[in-house]
Amino acid sequence: MSDAVDAQPDPRSRPRPQFGEYATPEEQRARIQEPAPWQLEPIAPIMTDAPADGIPPAPAVAEKRPHPVDRIVTFALLAYGLVNVITSVPAFLDYGSYAETMLGLMGADVQLSDPAAGEPWAIAAVLVLVAGWCVTAALSVWNIRRARLTWWIPLVGGIVFSLIAGALMVAPLTNDPAVWQALLDSARL
């Protein structure tokens, strides 16, 4: 009988095992329902040093994919705008024929009292068109490189700069009293 007593370990010689002490890490995670480290995907990059200002950095942004249709539409609109600017420059710089065409469209049978007064306005309109196209093209390329939607930039740029150039071209017509009188006479008929 003494052999049976010797076969039993003395409970005082070894402490009782704690909960989960003999469980494998996988069994422990299954019990507490915690995913394994290799199953976790980091949401933000792991920082080794705390930021100096105490503000945590912004989370990493997923890489944006380029939009091929957006690029095609953007470059098509830029090409259309360039053709429009190139064809508008000679028409704007010949302000006398431009004024005749505009007055004919308004239904006024009159000549400008000083056609040379419109030339500085025409030069300003040409500069606005050229500079506007350059700014629009630069903004479009900048947005394309950042993989952002860009098709709207040439569209809005074309509308805005064409309206400004058109207002500059019409300004000498609205400042001429003979034009106003002819427009009033044609409205009375």
N, C-alpha and C. Protein backbone atom coordinates (compact mmCIF):
# COMPACT_ATOMS: atom_id res chain seq x y z
N MET A 1 0.77 -1.17 0.00
CA MET A 1 0.00 0.00 0.00
C MET A 1 0.82 1.26 0.00
N SER A 2 1.93 1.17 0.50
CA SER A 2 2.77 2.34 0.52
C SER A 2 3.19 2.73 -0.89
N ASP A 3 3.19 1.77 -1.84
CA ASP A 3 3.50 2.11 -3.23
C ASP A 3 2.39 2.95 -3.84
N ALA A 4 1.16 2.67 -3.46
CA ALA A 4 0.04 3.46 -4.00
C ALA A 4 0.09 4.88 -3.46
N VAL A 5 0.50 5.04 -2.25
CA VAL A 5 0.58 6.39 -1.68
C VAL A 5 1.72 7.14 -2.33
N ASP A 6 2.80 6.45 -2.62
CA ASP A 6 3.93 7.10 -3.27
C ASP A 6 3.61 7.46 -4.71
N ALA A 7 2.72 6.72 -5.36
CA ALA A 7 2.38 7.02 -6.75
C ALA A 7 1.56 8.29 -6.84
N GLN A 8 0.81 8.63 -5.80
CA GLN A 8 0.02 9.85 -5.80
C GLN A 8 0.95 11.02 -5.49
N PRO A 9 0.90 12.04 -6.32
CA PRO A 9 1.74 13.21 -6.00
C PRO A 9 1.18 13.96 -4.79
N ASP A 10 2.06 14.49 -4.08
CA ASP A 10 1.65 15.25 -2.91
C ASP A 10 1.08 16.59 -3.36
N PRO A 11 -0.18 16.88 -3.02
CA PRO A 11 -0.79 18.13 -3.47
C PRO A 11 -0.05 19.34 -2.92
N ARG A 12 0.68 19.25 -1.88
CA ARG A 12 1.39 20.38 -1.31
C ARG A 12 2.68 20.65 -2.06
N SER A 13 3.23 19.66 -2.73
CA SER A 13 4.51 19.86 -3.40
C SER A 13 4.34 20.64 -4.72
N ARG A 14 3.18 20.56 -5.33
CA ARG A 14 2.98 21.27 -6.60
C ARG A 14 1.68 22.04 -6.53
N PRO A 15 1.67 23.36 -6.96
CA PRO A 15 0.43 24.13 -6.89
C PRO A 15 -0.56 23.65 -7.95
N ARG A 16 -1.79 23.86 -7.65
CA ARG A 16 -2.86 23.48 -8.56
C ARG A 16 -2.79 24.35 -9.81
N PRO A 17 -3.02 23.79 -11.01
CA PRO A 17 -2.93 24.60 -12.23
C PRO A 17 -4.05 25.64 -12.28
N GLN A 18 -3.72 26.80 -12.83
CA GLN A 18 -4.69 27.87 -13.00
C GLN A 18 -5.53 27.62 -14.24
N PHE A 19 -6.66 28.37 -14.37
CA PHE A 19 -7.56 28.20 -15.51
C PHE A 19 -6.81 28.49 -16.80
N GLY A 20 -6.84 27.55 -17.73
CA GLY A 20 -6.24 27.73 -19.04
C GLY A 20 -4.75 27.51 -19.08
N GLU A 21 -4.16 27.10 -17.99
CA GLU A 21 -2.71 26.96 -17.96
C GLU A 21 -2.24 25.86 -18.90
N TYR A 22 -2.99 24.79 -19.02
CA TYR A 22 -2.60 23.70 -19.89
C TYR A 22 -3.21 23.81 -21.29
N ALA A 23 -4.05 24.83 -21.50
CA ALA A 23 -4.69 25.00 -22.81
C ALA A 23 -3.70 25.64 -23.78
N THR A 24 -3.82 25.25 -25.02
CA THR A 24 -2.98 25.86 -26.05
C THR A 24 -3.49 27.27 -26.32
N PRO A 25 -2.68 28.14 -26.95
CA PRO A 25 -3.16 29.51 -27.26
C PRO A 25 -4.42 29.51 -28.13
N GLU A 26 -4.55 28.55 -29.04
CA GLU A 26 -5.74 28.48 -29.88
C GLU A 26 -6.98 28.15 -29.05
N GLU A 27 -6.81 27.21 -28.08
CA GLU A 27 -7.93 26.85 -27.22
C GLU A 27 -8.32 28.03 -26.32
N GLN A 28 -7.32 28.77 -25.87
CA GLN A 28 -7.60 29.93 -25.04
C GLN A 28 -8.37 30.98 -25.84
N ARG A 29 -7.95 31.25 -27.07
CA ARG A 29 -8.64 32.23 -27.92
C ARG A 29 -10.06 31.80 -28.24
N ALA A 30 -10.24 30.48 -28.45
CA ALA A 30 -11.58 29.97 -28.74
C ALA A 30 -12.49 30.17 -27.54
N ARG A 31 -11.95 30.00 -26.33
CA ARG A 31 -12.76 30.17 -25.13
C ARG A 31 -13.15 31.63 -24.91
N ILE A 32 -12.21 32.52 -25.12
CA ILE A 32 -12.52 33.93 -24.87
C ILE A 32 -12.96 34.64 -26.15
N GLN A 33 -13.09 33.93 -27.24
CA GLN A 33 -13.55 34.41 -28.54
C GLN A 33 -12.71 35.59 -29.04
N GLU A 34 -11.42 35.42 -28.99
CA GLU A 34 -10.49 36.44 -29.47
C GLU A 34 -9.82 35.89 -30.72
N PRO A 35 -9.77 36.66 -31.82
CA PRO A 35 -9.12 36.15 -33.04
C PRO A 35 -7.60 36.09 -32.86
N ALA A 36 -7.01 35.21 -33.62
CA ALA A 36 -5.56 35.07 -33.60
C ALA A 36 -4.93 36.33 -34.20
N PRO A 37 -3.69 36.65 -33.81
CA PRO A 37 -3.05 37.87 -34.33
C PRO A 37 -2.93 37.87 -35.85
N TRP A 38 -2.72 36.71 -36.45
CA TRP A 38 -2.58 36.67 -37.90
C TRP A 38 -3.91 36.86 -38.60
N GLN A 39 -5.03 36.78 -37.86
CA GLN A 39 -6.35 37.00 -38.44
C GLN A 39 -6.74 38.48 -38.40
N LEU A 40 -6.05 39.25 -37.63
CA LEU A 40 -6.35 40.68 -37.52
C LEU A 40 -5.66 41.44 -38.64
N GLU A 41 -6.38 42.37 -39.26
CA GLU A 41 -5.77 43.26 -40.25
C GLU A 41 -5.64 44.62 -39.60
N PRO A 42 -4.47 45.22 -39.68
CA PRO A 42 -4.31 46.52 -39.04
C PRO A 42 -5.15 47.58 -39.76
N ILE A 43 -5.85 48.40 -38.99
CA ILE A 43 -6.66 49.48 -39.55
C ILE A 43 -5.78 50.67 -39.87
N ALA A 44 -4.86 50.96 -39.00
CA ALA A 44 -3.95 52.07 -39.21
C ALA A 44 -2.53 51.55 -39.01
N PRO A 45 -1.55 52.24 -39.58
CA PRO A 45 -0.17 51.80 -39.38
C PRO A 45 0.20 51.85 -37.90
N ILE A 46 1.02 50.90 -37.49
CA ILE A 46 1.45 50.82 -36.10
C ILE A 46 2.50 51.90 -35.86
N MET A 47 2.28 52.69 -34.82
CA MET A 47 3.22 53.77 -34.51
C MET A 47 4.20 53.29 -33.46
N THR A 48 5.46 53.59 -33.67
CA THR A 48 6.45 53.23 -32.67
C THR A 48 6.67 54.37 -31.70
N ASP A 49 6.50 55.60 -32.15
CA ASP A 49 6.69 56.76 -31.29
C ASP A 49 5.38 57.54 -31.24
N ALA A 50 5.09 58.10 -30.11
CA ALA A 50 3.90 58.93 -29.98
C ALA A 50 4.16 60.26 -30.68
N PRO A 51 3.13 60.88 -31.27
CA PRO A 51 3.34 62.16 -31.92
C PRO A 51 3.70 63.23 -30.90
N ALA A 52 4.49 64.19 -31.34
CA ALA A 52 4.98 65.22 -30.44
C ALA A 52 3.85 66.14 -29.98
N ASP A 53 2.88 66.40 -30.82
CA ASP A 53 1.81 67.32 -30.44
C ASP A 53 0.65 66.65 -29.73
N GLY A 54 0.70 65.33 -29.58
CA GLY A 54 -0.33 64.61 -28.87
C GLY A 54 -1.56 64.29 -29.70
N ILE A 55 -1.59 64.72 -30.95
CA ILE A 55 -2.74 64.45 -31.83
C ILE A 55 -2.43 63.20 -32.64
N PRO A 56 -3.30 62.21 -32.58
CA PRO A 56 -3.01 61.00 -33.36
C PRO A 56 -3.11 61.29 -34.85
N PRO A 57 -2.31 60.60 -35.65
CA PRO A 57 -2.34 60.85 -37.09
C PRO A 57 -3.65 60.35 -37.70
N ALA A 58 -3.97 60.89 -38.85
CA ALA A 58 -5.17 60.45 -39.57
C ALA A 58 -4.98 59.02 -40.03
N PRO A 59 -6.04 58.24 -40.11
CA PRO A 59 -5.90 56.87 -40.57
C PRO A 59 -5.47 56.83 -42.03
N ALA A 60 -4.80 55.77 -42.37
CA ALA A 60 -4.31 55.62 -43.74
C ALA A 60 -5.50 55.53 -44.69
N VAL A 61 -5.39 56.25 -45.82
CA VAL A 61 -6.46 56.26 -46.81
C VAL A 61 -6.17 55.19 -47.85
N ALA A 62 -7.18 54.47 -48.22
CA ALA A 62 -6.99 53.44 -49.23
C ALA A 62 -6.59 54.09 -50.55
N GLU A 63 -5.76 53.40 -51.29
CA GLU A 63 -5.28 53.92 -52.56
C GLU A 63 -6.44 54.02 -53.55
N LYS A 64 -6.52 55.17 -54.22
CA LYS A 64 -7.61 55.39 -55.18
C LYS A 64 -7.20 54.84 -56.53
N ARG A 65 -8.18 54.28 -57.21
CA ARG A 65 -7.92 53.75 -58.55
C ARG A 65 -8.27 54.80 -59.59
N PRO A 66 -7.51 54.88 -60.67
CA PRO A 66 -7.84 55.85 -61.71
C PRO A 66 -9.13 55.45 -62.43
N HIS A 67 -9.79 56.44 -62.97
CA HIS A 67 -11.03 56.23 -63.70
C HIS A 67 -10.75 56.44 -65.19
N PRO A 68 -10.66 55.38 -65.99
CA PRO A 68 -10.29 55.57 -67.40
C PRO A 68 -11.33 56.35 -68.18
N VAL A 69 -12.62 56.17 -67.93
CA VAL A 69 -13.65 56.91 -68.65
C VAL A 69 -13.56 58.39 -68.29
N ASP A 70 -13.30 58.67 -67.01
CA ASP A 70 -13.15 60.06 -66.57
C ASP A 70 -12.00 60.73 -67.29
N ARG A 71 -10.90 60.03 -67.45
CA ARG A 71 -9.75 60.61 -68.16
C ARG A 71 -10.09 60.90 -69.61
N ILE A 72 -10.78 59.98 -70.26
CA ILE A 72 -11.12 60.18 -71.67
C ILE A 72 -12.04 61.39 -71.82
N VAL A 73 -13.06 61.48 -70.97
CA VAL A 73 -14.00 62.60 -71.04
C VAL A 73 -13.28 63.91 -70.71
N THR A 74 -12.41 63.89 -69.72
CA THR A 74 -11.68 65.10 -69.33
C THR A 74 -10.82 65.60 -70.48
N PHE A 75 -10.04 64.71 -71.10
CA PHE A 75 -9.17 65.14 -72.19
C PHE A 75 -9.97 65.53 -73.43
N ALA A 76 -11.11 64.90 -73.65
CA ALA A 76 -11.96 65.30 -74.78
C ALA A 76 -12.51 66.71 -74.56
N LEU A 77 -12.95 67.01 -73.33
CA LEU A 77 -13.44 68.35 -73.03
C LEU A 77 -12.32 69.40 -73.10
N LEU A 78 -11.13 69.03 -72.65
CA LEU A 78 -10.00 69.96 -72.76
C LEU A 78 -9.64 70.22 -74.23
N ALA A 79 -9.69 69.18 -75.05
CA ALA A 79 -9.40 69.36 -76.48
C ALA A 79 -10.45 70.25 -77.13
N TYR A 80 -11.71 70.02 -76.79
CA TYR A 80 -12.79 70.86 -77.33
C TYR A 80 -12.60 72.31 -76.89
N GLY A 81 -12.24 72.52 -75.64
CA GLY A 81 -11.99 73.87 -75.15
C GLY A 81 -10.82 74.53 -75.85
N LEU A 82 -9.77 73.77 -76.12
CA LEU A 82 -8.62 74.33 -76.82
C LEU A 82 -8.99 74.75 -78.24
N VAL A 83 -9.76 73.92 -78.93
CA VAL A 83 -10.21 74.28 -80.27
C VAL A 83 -11.09 75.53 -80.21
N ASN A 84 -11.94 75.60 -79.22
CA ASN A 84 -12.81 76.77 -79.05
C ASN A 84 -11.98 78.04 -78.81
N VAL A 85 -10.96 77.95 -77.97
CA VAL A 85 -10.11 79.12 -77.70
C VAL A 85 -9.37 79.54 -78.96
N ILE A 86 -8.80 78.56 -79.68
CA ILE A 86 -8.02 78.88 -80.89
C ILE A 86 -8.90 79.54 -81.96
N THR A 87 -10.13 79.06 -82.11
CA THR A 87 -11.00 79.65 -83.13
C THR A 87 -11.62 80.97 -82.67
N SER A 88 -11.72 81.19 -81.37
CA SER A 88 -12.30 82.43 -80.86
C SER A 88 -11.32 83.60 -80.90
N VAL A 89 -10.04 83.34 -80.80
CA VAL A 89 -9.06 84.42 -80.75
C VAL A 89 -9.14 85.31 -81.99
N PRO A 90 -9.08 84.78 -83.22
CA PRO A 90 -9.17 85.68 -84.38
C PRO A 90 -10.52 86.40 -84.48
N ALA A 91 -11.60 85.72 -84.09
CA ALA A 91 -12.92 86.35 -84.15
C ALA A 91 -13.01 87.49 -83.15
N PHE A 92 -12.45 87.33 -81.97
CA PHE A 92 -12.50 88.38 -80.96
C PHE A 92 -11.61 89.56 -81.32
N LEU A 93 -10.45 89.28 -81.90
CA LEU A 93 -9.51 90.37 -82.21
C LEU A 93 -10.01 91.24 -83.36
N ASP A 94 -10.89 90.76 -84.20
CA ASP A 94 -11.52 91.58 -85.25
C ASP A 94 -12.84 92.10 -84.67
N TYR A 95 -12.73 93.10 -83.80
CA TYR A 95 -13.89 93.53 -83.03
C TYR A 95 -14.96 94.19 -83.90
N GLY A 96 -14.58 94.84 -84.99
CA GLY A 96 -15.56 95.49 -85.86
C GLY A 96 -16.55 94.49 -86.44
N SER A 97 -16.05 93.39 -86.98
CA SER A 97 -16.97 92.38 -87.55
C SER A 97 -17.73 91.65 -86.45
N TYR A 98 -17.11 91.47 -85.29
CA TYR A 98 -17.81 90.85 -84.16
C TYR A 98 -18.99 91.72 -83.74
N ALA A 99 -18.76 93.04 -83.64
CA ALA A 99 -19.82 93.95 -83.24
C ALA A 99 -20.96 93.95 -84.26
N GLU A 100 -20.63 93.93 -85.55
CA GLU A 100 -21.67 93.88 -86.58
C GLU A 100 -22.50 92.61 -86.46
N THR A 101 -21.85 91.50 -86.24
CA THR A 101 -22.56 90.22 -86.09
C THR A 101 -23.48 90.26 -84.87
N MET A 102 -22.97 90.75 -83.75
CA MET A 102 -23.78 90.81 -82.52
C MET A 102 -24.96 91.76 -82.68
N LEU A 103 -24.73 92.91 -83.28
CA LEU A 103 -25.82 93.87 -83.48
C LEU A 103 -26.85 93.31 -84.45
N GLY A 104 -26.41 92.58 -85.46
CA GLY A 104 -27.34 91.93 -86.39
C GLY A 104 -28.20 90.88 -85.68
N LEU A 105 -27.57 90.13 -84.75
CA LEU A 105 -28.34 89.14 -83.98
C LEU A 105 -29.35 89.81 -83.05
N MET A 106 -29.03 91.01 -82.57
CA MET A 106 -29.94 91.73 -81.68
C MET A 106 -31.05 92.44 -82.47
N GLY A 107 -30.88 92.52 -83.78
CA GLY A 107 -31.89 93.18 -84.60
C GLY A 107 -31.72 94.68 -84.65
N ALA A 108 -30.54 95.17 -84.33
CA ALA A 108 -30.26 96.61 -84.36
C ALA A 108 -29.49 96.94 -85.62
N ASP A 109 -30.03 97.85 -86.42
CA ASP A 109 -29.36 98.27 -87.65
C ASP A 109 -28.60 99.55 -87.34
N VAL A 110 -27.41 99.39 -86.77
CA VAL A 110 -26.61 100.53 -86.33
C VAL A 110 -25.13 100.15 -86.40
N GLN A 111 -24.29 101.17 -86.48
CA GLN A 111 -22.84 100.99 -86.42
C GLN A 111 -22.35 101.54 -85.09
N LEU A 112 -21.28 100.96 -84.57
CA LEU A 112 -20.68 101.50 -83.34
C LEU A 112 -20.13 102.89 -83.64
N SER A 113 -20.30 103.79 -82.69
CA SER A 113 -19.78 105.13 -82.91
C SER A 113 -18.25 105.14 -82.85
N ASP A 114 -17.64 104.25 -82.05
CA ASP A 114 -16.17 104.16 -81.99
C ASP A 114 -15.77 102.68 -81.92
N PRO A 115 -15.62 102.02 -83.08
CA PRO A 115 -15.27 100.60 -83.07
C PRO A 115 -13.91 100.31 -82.45
N ALA A 116 -12.99 101.28 -82.49
CA ALA A 116 -11.65 101.07 -81.92
C ALA A 116 -11.71 100.98 -80.40
N ALA A 117 -12.76 101.47 -79.78
CA ALA A 117 -12.87 101.42 -78.32
C ALA A 117 -13.09 99.99 -77.83
N GLY A 118 -13.52 99.11 -78.70
CA GLY A 118 -13.76 97.72 -78.30
C GLY A 118 -12.53 96.84 -78.35
N GLU A 119 -11.46 97.31 -78.97
CA GLU A 119 -10.26 96.48 -79.11
C GLU A 119 -9.61 96.13 -77.77
N PRO A 120 -9.47 97.07 -76.82
CA PRO A 120 -8.90 96.66 -75.52
C PRO A 120 -9.78 95.62 -74.80
N TRP A 121 -11.09 95.73 -74.97
CA TRP A 121 -12.00 94.76 -74.37
C TRP A 121 -11.81 93.39 -75.02
N ALA A 122 -11.59 93.39 -76.32
CA ALA A 122 -11.38 92.13 -77.05
C ALA A 122 -10.07 91.47 -76.61
N ILE A 123 -9.03 92.28 -76.43
CA ILE A 123 -7.75 91.73 -75.97
C ILE A 123 -7.90 91.13 -74.57
N ALA A 124 -8.64 91.83 -73.71
CA ALA A 124 -8.89 91.30 -72.36
C ALA A 124 -9.67 90.00 -72.43
N ALA A 125 -10.64 89.91 -73.33
CA ALA A 125 -11.43 88.68 -73.47
C ALA A 125 -10.55 87.52 -73.95
N VAL A 126 -9.65 87.81 -74.89
CA VAL A 126 -8.74 86.77 -75.38
C VAL A 126 -7.83 86.29 -74.25
N LEU A 127 -7.31 87.22 -73.46
CA LEU A 127 -6.44 86.84 -72.34
C LEU A 127 -7.20 86.00 -71.31
N VAL A 128 -8.45 86.36 -71.07
CA VAL A 128 -9.26 85.57 -70.13
C VAL A 128 -9.46 84.15 -70.66
N LEU A 129 -9.77 84.03 -71.95
CA LEU A 129 -9.98 82.69 -72.53
C LEU A 129 -8.72 81.84 -72.46
N VAL A 130 -7.58 82.43 -72.84
CA VAL A 130 -6.33 81.66 -72.85
C VAL A 130 -5.91 81.29 -71.43
N ALA A 131 -5.93 82.27 -70.53
CA ALA A 131 -5.54 81.99 -69.14
C ALA A 131 -6.53 81.01 -68.49
N GLY A 132 -7.79 81.15 -68.81
CA GLY A 132 -8.80 80.24 -68.26
C GLY A 132 -8.60 78.81 -68.72
N TRP A 133 -8.26 78.64 -70.00
CA TRP A 133 -8.00 77.29 -70.48
C TRP A 133 -6.77 76.71 -69.80
N CYS A 134 -5.72 77.52 -69.63
CA CYS A 134 -4.50 77.02 -68.98
C CYS A 134 -4.77 76.62 -67.52
N VAL A 135 -5.52 77.43 -66.80
CA VAL A 135 -5.84 77.11 -65.41
C VAL A 135 -6.69 75.84 -65.35
N THR A 136 -7.66 75.74 -66.25
CA THR A 136 -8.54 74.57 -66.27
C THR A 136 -7.73 73.31 -66.59
N ALA A 137 -6.84 73.39 -67.56
CA ALA A 137 -6.02 72.22 -67.91
C ALA A 137 -5.11 71.82 -66.75
N ALA A 138 -4.51 72.81 -66.08
CA ALA A 138 -3.62 72.50 -64.95
C ALA A 138 -4.40 71.84 -63.80
N LEU A 139 -5.57 72.37 -63.47
CA LEU A 139 -6.38 71.76 -62.41
C LEU A 139 -6.83 70.35 -62.79
N SER A 140 -7.15 70.16 -64.05
CA SER A 140 -7.60 68.83 -64.49
C SER A 140 -6.48 67.80 -64.37
N VAL A 141 -5.29 68.16 -64.82
CA VAL A 141 -4.15 67.23 -64.74
C VAL A 141 -3.81 66.97 -63.28
N TRP A 142 -3.86 67.99 -62.46
CA TRP A 142 -3.56 67.82 -61.03
C TRP A 142 -4.54 66.84 -60.39
N ASN A 143 -5.83 66.96 -60.72
CA ASN A 143 -6.81 66.04 -60.15
C ASN A 143 -6.69 64.63 -60.74
N ILE A 144 -6.35 64.52 -61.99
CA ILE A 144 -6.18 63.20 -62.61
C ILE A 144 -5.03 62.46 -61.93
N ARG A 145 -3.97 63.16 -61.64
CA ARG A 145 -2.82 62.52 -60.97
C ARG A 145 -3.16 62.03 -59.57
N ARG A 146 -4.15 62.62 -58.96
CA ARG A 146 -4.59 62.19 -57.64
C ARG A 146 -5.75 61.22 -57.70
N ALA A 147 -6.05 60.74 -58.89
CA ALA A 147 -7.11 59.74 -59.14
C ALA A 147 -8.47 60.22 -58.64
N ARG A 148 -8.75 61.50 -58.84
CA ARG A 148 -10.06 62.05 -58.49
C ARG A 148 -10.90 62.20 -59.75
N LEU A 149 -12.22 62.28 -59.57
CA LEU A 149 -13.09 62.55 -60.70
C LEU A 149 -12.82 63.97 -61.19
N THR A 150 -12.62 64.11 -62.50
CA THR A 150 -12.13 65.37 -63.03
C THR A 150 -12.97 65.91 -64.18
N TRP A 151 -13.89 65.14 -64.72
CA TRP A 151 -14.60 65.55 -65.92
C TRP A 151 -15.31 66.88 -65.76
N TRP A 152 -15.72 67.22 -64.57
CA TRP A 152 -16.49 68.44 -64.34
C TRP A 152 -15.63 69.69 -64.39
N ILE A 153 -14.33 69.58 -64.18
CA ILE A 153 -13.47 70.76 -64.14
C ILE A 153 -13.40 71.45 -65.51
N PRO A 154 -13.15 70.74 -66.63
CA PRO A 154 -13.16 71.43 -67.92
C PRO A 154 -14.54 71.98 -68.27
N LEU A 155 -15.58 71.28 -67.84
CA LEU A 155 -16.94 71.74 -68.12
C LEU A 155 -17.23 73.06 -67.41
N VAL A 156 -16.95 73.11 -66.12
CA VAL A 156 -17.19 74.34 -65.34
C VAL A 156 -16.23 75.45 -65.78
N GLY A 157 -14.98 75.10 -66.02
CA GLY A 157 -14.01 76.11 -66.48
C GLY A 157 -14.42 76.72 -67.81
N GLY A 158 -14.89 75.89 -68.74
CA GLY A 158 -15.33 76.41 -70.03
C GLY A 158 -16.51 77.34 -69.89
N ILE A 159 -17.46 76.98 -69.05
CA ILE A 159 -18.65 77.83 -68.86
C ILE A 159 -18.26 79.16 -68.21
N VAL A 160 -17.48 79.09 -67.14
CA VAL A 160 -17.14 80.31 -66.39
C VAL A 160 -16.31 81.26 -67.24
N PHE A 161 -15.25 80.76 -67.87
CA PHE A 161 -14.37 81.66 -68.62
C PHE A 161 -15.01 82.14 -69.92
N SER A 162 -15.90 81.35 -70.51
CA SER A 162 -16.62 81.81 -71.70
C SER A 162 -17.60 82.92 -71.33
N LEU A 163 -18.27 82.78 -70.20
CA LEU A 163 -19.18 83.84 -69.76
C LEU A 163 -18.43 85.14 -69.46
N ILE A 164 -17.28 85.04 -68.83
CA ILE A 164 -16.49 86.24 -68.53
C ILE A 164 -16.02 86.88 -69.82
N ALA A 165 -15.50 86.09 -70.76
CA ALA A 165 -15.03 86.63 -72.03
C ALA A 165 -16.20 87.23 -72.82
N GLY A 166 -17.35 86.58 -72.80
CA GLY A 166 -18.52 87.12 -73.49
C GLY A 166 -18.96 88.45 -72.90
N ALA A 167 -18.92 88.56 -71.57
CA ALA A 167 -19.29 89.83 -70.93
C ALA A 167 -18.30 90.93 -71.32
N LEU A 168 -17.03 90.59 -71.42
CA LEU A 168 -16.04 91.58 -71.84
C LEU A 168 -16.26 92.02 -73.28
N MET A 169 -16.70 91.10 -74.14
CA MET A 169 -16.93 91.44 -75.54
C MET A 169 -18.20 92.28 -75.72
N VAL A 170 -19.17 92.12 -74.87
CA VAL A 170 -20.43 92.86 -74.99
C VAL A 170 -20.34 94.23 -74.30
N ALA A 171 -19.40 94.41 -73.41
CA ALA A 171 -19.29 95.67 -72.66
C ALA A 171 -19.21 96.90 -73.56
N PRO A 172 -18.40 96.92 -74.62
CA PRO A 172 -18.38 98.11 -75.48
C PRO A 172 -19.72 98.36 -76.19
N LEU A 173 -20.45 97.30 -76.48
CA LEU A 173 -21.76 97.48 -77.12
C LEU A 173 -22.74 98.15 -76.18
N THR A 174 -22.68 97.79 -74.91
CA THR A 174 -23.63 98.35 -73.94
C THR A 174 -23.26 99.77 -73.54
N ASN A 175 -22.03 100.20 -73.81
CA ASN A 175 -21.60 101.55 -73.47
C ASN A 175 -21.84 102.55 -74.60
N ASP A 176 -22.30 102.10 -75.73
CA ASP A 176 -22.50 102.98 -76.89
C ASP A 176 -23.95 103.47 -76.90
N PRO A 177 -24.18 104.79 -76.80
CA PRO A 177 -25.56 105.30 -76.79
C PRO A 177 -26.30 105.04 -78.10
N ALA A 178 -25.60 105.01 -79.22
CA ALA A 178 -26.27 104.74 -80.50
C ALA A 178 -26.86 103.33 -80.52
N VAL A 179 -26.16 102.38 -79.91
CA VAL A 179 -26.65 101.00 -79.86
C VAL A 179 -27.92 100.95 -79.00
N TRP A 180 -27.92 101.64 -77.87
CA TRP A 180 -29.09 101.66 -77.00
C TRP A 180 -30.30 102.27 -77.72
N GLN A 181 -30.04 103.36 -78.45
CA GLN A 181 -31.14 104.01 -79.17
C GLN A 181 -31.69 103.09 -80.25
N ALA A 182 -30.80 102.39 -80.96
CA ALA A 182 -31.26 101.47 -82.01
C ALA A 182 -32.04 100.31 -81.41
N LEU A 183 -31.60 99.81 -80.25
CA LEU A 183 -32.32 98.71 -79.60
C LEU A 183 -33.69 99.17 -79.11
N LEU A 184 -33.77 100.41 -78.59
CA LEU A 184 -35.06 100.93 -78.16
C LEU A 184 -36.01 101.13 -79.34
N ASP A 185 -35.46 101.62 -80.46
CA ASP A 185 -36.28 101.82 -81.66
C ASP A 185 -36.80 100.50 -82.20
N SER A 186 -35.94 99.45 -82.19
CA SER A 186 -36.38 98.16 -82.71
C SER A 186 -37.38 97.50 -81.76
N ALA A 187 -37.32 97.84 -80.45
CA ALA A 187 -38.27 97.28 -79.51
C ALA A 187 -39.65 97.94 -79.66
N ARG A 188 -39.70 99.20 -80.09
CA ARG A 188 -40.97 99.89 -80.26
C ARG A 188 -41.74 99.39 -81.47
N LEU A 189 -41.02 98.84 -82.43
CA LEU A 189 -41.69 98.38 -83.66
C LEU A 189 -42.39 97.14 -83.41
